[in-house]
Amino acid sequence: MDKPKVAYNRLTVEGEIQTQWICGCFETVDGFFKFCSEHNNAMRKTIEAQIDELDMTLVVDEKKSD
């Protein structure tokens, strides 16, 4: 028996307006994002830049060069 295809929608910041993704990107029900091949590279760069700018990481093992 085939499972019905789930249409992933998300609510906008307005809360009442429901939007639909126009590409292969989607947000999972547990809050993770999956980006389509067209947007994956751009989104990866954007997220990495924000992680650096917001200082969200800590060096835990710095490799030493001789």
N, C-alpha and C. Protein backbone atom coordinates (compact mmCIF):
# COMPACT_ATOMS: atom_id res chain seq x y z
N MET A 1 0.84 -1.18 0.00
CA MET A 1 0.00 0.00 0.00
C MET A 1 0.88 1.25 0.00
N ASP A 2 0.64 2.14 -0.93
CA ASP A 2 1.43 3.37 -1.05
C ASP A 2 0.99 4.39 -0.01
N LYS A 3 1.99 5.05 0.58
CA LYS A 3 1.69 6.14 1.51
C LYS A 3 1.35 7.38 0.70
N PRO A 4 0.42 8.20 1.16
CA PRO A 4 0.12 9.43 0.43
C PRO A 4 1.31 10.39 0.53
N LYS A 5 1.56 11.12 -0.55
CA LYS A 5 2.65 12.10 -0.57
C LYS A 5 2.29 13.26 0.35
N VAL A 6 3.23 13.63 1.22
CA VAL A 6 2.99 14.71 2.16
C VAL A 6 3.42 16.02 1.53
N ALA A 7 2.54 17.01 1.54
CA ALA A 7 2.89 18.35 1.07
C ALA A 7 3.40 19.14 2.26
N TYR A 8 4.66 19.54 2.23
CA TYR A 8 5.23 20.30 3.33
C TYR A 8 4.89 21.77 3.17
N ASN A 9 4.22 22.33 4.13
CA ASN A 9 3.91 23.75 4.16
C ASN A 9 4.50 24.33 5.41
N ARG A 10 4.63 25.64 5.44
CA ARG A 10 5.09 26.31 6.65
C ARG A 10 4.26 27.56 6.83
N LEU A 11 4.18 28.02 8.05
CA LEU A 11 3.47 29.25 8.33
C LEU A 11 4.44 30.41 8.25
N THR A 12 4.01 31.52 7.71
CA THR A 12 4.86 32.70 7.64
C THR A 12 4.89 33.37 9.00
N VAL A 13 5.70 34.40 9.13
CA VAL A 13 5.79 35.11 10.40
C VAL A 13 4.47 35.76 10.78
N GLU A 14 3.60 35.98 9.80
CA GLU A 14 2.29 36.55 10.11
C GLU A 14 1.42 35.54 10.85
N GLY A 15 1.74 34.25 10.70
CA GLY A 15 1.04 33.21 11.45
C GLY A 15 -0.19 32.65 10.78
N GLU A 16 -1.00 33.46 10.18
CA GLU A 16 -2.25 32.99 9.60
C GLU A 16 -2.14 32.65 8.11
N ILE A 17 -1.13 33.20 7.45
CA ILE A 17 -0.98 32.99 6.01
C ILE A 17 -0.16 31.74 5.78
N GLN A 18 -0.71 30.78 5.07
CA GLN A 18 0.04 29.56 4.79
C GLN A 18 0.71 29.70 3.43
N THR A 19 1.99 29.34 3.36
CA THR A 19 2.74 29.44 2.11
C THR A 19 3.14 28.05 1.66
N GLN A 20 3.47 27.95 0.38
CA GLN A 20 3.91 26.68 -0.17
C GLN A 20 5.24 26.90 -0.87
N TRP A 21 6.19 25.99 -0.66
CA TRP A 21 7.49 26.08 -1.30
C TRP A 21 7.31 25.95 -2.80
N ILE A 22 8.05 26.73 -3.60
CA ILE A 22 7.92 26.68 -5.06
C ILE A 22 9.06 25.90 -5.71
N CYS A 23 9.89 25.28 -4.92
CA CYS A 23 10.99 24.46 -5.43
C CYS A 23 11.01 23.17 -4.63
N GLY A 24 12.12 22.49 -4.61
CA GLY A 24 12.22 21.23 -3.88
C GLY A 24 12.59 21.39 -2.42
N CYS A 25 12.79 22.61 -1.94
CA CYS A 25 13.13 22.84 -0.54
C CYS A 25 11.91 22.57 0.33
N PHE A 26 12.14 22.15 1.57
CA PHE A 26 11.03 22.00 2.50
C PHE A 26 11.53 22.01 3.93
N GLU A 27 10.61 22.22 4.85
CA GLU A 27 10.88 22.15 6.28
C GLU A 27 10.18 20.92 6.81
N THR A 28 10.89 20.11 7.58
CA THR A 28 10.28 18.91 8.14
C THR A 28 9.43 19.27 9.35
N VAL A 29 8.58 18.33 9.75
CA VAL A 29 7.70 18.59 10.89
C VAL A 29 8.47 18.80 12.18
N ASP A 30 9.72 18.31 12.25
CA ASP A 30 10.52 18.50 13.46
C ASP A 30 11.47 19.69 13.34
N GLY A 31 11.24 20.59 12.36
CA GLY A 31 11.96 21.86 12.31
C GLY A 31 13.27 21.87 11.54
N PHE A 32 13.57 20.82 10.81
CA PHE A 32 14.79 20.80 10.00
C PHE A 32 14.46 21.22 8.58
N PHE A 33 15.45 21.79 7.89
CA PHE A 33 15.25 22.22 6.52
C PHE A 33 16.01 21.32 5.57
N LYS A 34 15.40 21.01 4.45
CA LYS A 34 16.03 20.26 3.36
C LYS A 34 15.96 21.16 2.14
N PHE A 35 17.13 21.42 1.52
CA PHE A 35 17.17 22.33 0.39
C PHE A 35 17.35 21.56 -0.91
N CYS A 36 16.71 22.05 -1.95
CA CYS A 36 16.82 21.42 -3.26
C CYS A 36 18.21 21.65 -3.84
N SER A 37 18.54 20.94 -4.91
CA SER A 37 19.88 21.05 -5.49
C SER A 37 20.15 22.46 -6.00
N GLU A 38 19.13 23.19 -6.41
CA GLU A 38 19.32 24.55 -6.90
C GLU A 38 19.73 25.50 -5.78
N HIS A 39 19.22 25.31 -4.57
CA HIS A 39 19.47 26.24 -3.47
C HIS A 39 20.44 25.71 -2.41
N ASN A 40 20.81 24.45 -2.46
CA ASN A 40 21.61 23.83 -1.41
C ASN A 40 22.94 24.55 -1.18
N ASN A 41 23.71 24.82 -2.23
CA ASN A 41 25.02 25.44 -2.08
C ASN A 41 24.91 26.86 -1.53
N ALA A 42 23.97 27.64 -2.06
CA ALA A 42 23.79 29.01 -1.59
C ALA A 42 23.36 29.03 -0.13
N MET A 43 22.46 28.14 0.25
CA MET A 43 21.99 28.10 1.64
C MET A 43 23.09 27.63 2.58
N ARG A 44 23.91 26.69 2.14
CA ARG A 44 25.03 26.23 2.96
C ARG A 44 25.98 27.39 3.27
N LYS A 45 26.32 28.17 2.23
CA LYS A 45 27.21 29.32 2.42
C LYS A 45 26.58 30.36 3.34
N THR A 46 25.30 30.60 3.17
CA THR A 46 24.58 31.58 4.00
C THR A 46 24.57 31.16 5.45
N ILE A 47 24.26 29.90 5.70
CA ILE A 47 24.20 29.38 7.08
C ILE A 47 25.58 29.41 7.72
N GLU A 48 26.61 28.98 6.98
CA GLU A 48 27.97 29.00 7.52
C GLU A 48 28.41 30.43 7.86
N ALA A 49 28.06 31.39 7.01
CA ALA A 49 28.42 32.78 7.27
C ALA A 49 27.73 33.29 8.53
N GLN A 50 26.48 32.92 8.72
CA GLN A 50 25.75 33.36 9.91
C GLN A 50 26.30 32.70 11.17
N ILE A 51 26.69 31.46 11.07
CA ILE A 51 27.29 30.77 12.23
C ILE A 51 28.56 31.50 12.66
N ASP A 52 29.38 31.88 11.68
CA ASP A 52 30.61 32.62 11.98
C ASP A 52 30.30 34.00 12.54
N GLU A 53 29.38 34.71 11.90
CA GLU A 53 29.07 36.08 12.34
C GLU A 53 28.44 36.11 13.73
N LEU A 54 27.62 35.14 14.03
CA LEU A 54 26.96 35.10 15.33
C LEU A 54 27.83 34.44 16.40
N ASP A 55 29.03 34.02 16.02
CA ASP A 55 29.98 33.39 16.94
C ASP A 55 29.31 32.24 17.69
N MET A 56 28.78 31.29 16.93
CA MET A 56 28.01 30.18 17.49
C MET A 56 28.85 28.92 17.72
N THR A 57 30.15 28.98 17.46
CA THR A 57 30.99 27.78 17.62
C THR A 57 32.16 28.06 18.54
N LEU A 58 32.76 27.00 19.02
CA LEU A 58 33.91 27.07 19.91
C LEU A 58 34.92 26.04 19.42
N VAL A 59 36.19 26.43 19.30
CA VAL A 59 37.23 25.49 18.89
C VAL A 59 37.47 24.51 20.02
N VAL A 60 37.32 23.21 19.73
CA VAL A 60 37.52 22.20 20.76
C VAL A 60 38.78 21.38 20.54
N ASP A 61 39.32 21.38 19.32
CA ASP A 61 40.53 20.62 19.05
C ASP A 61 41.27 21.33 17.92
N GLU A 62 42.21 22.18 18.28
CA GLU A 62 42.96 22.93 17.27
C GLU A 62 44.16 22.10 16.84
N LYS A 63 44.26 21.89 15.54
CA LYS A 63 45.39 21.13 15.00
C LYS A 63 46.60 22.05 14.92
N LYS A 64 47.75 21.59 15.43
CA LYS A 64 48.97 22.38 15.40
C LYS A 64 49.80 22.00 14.19
N SER A 65 50.33 23.01 13.53
CA SER A 65 51.22 22.73 12.39
C SER A 65 52.67 23.01 12.83
N ASP A 66 53.58 22.16 12.38
CA ASP A 66 54.99 22.29 12.76
C ASP A 66 55.73 23.20 11.84
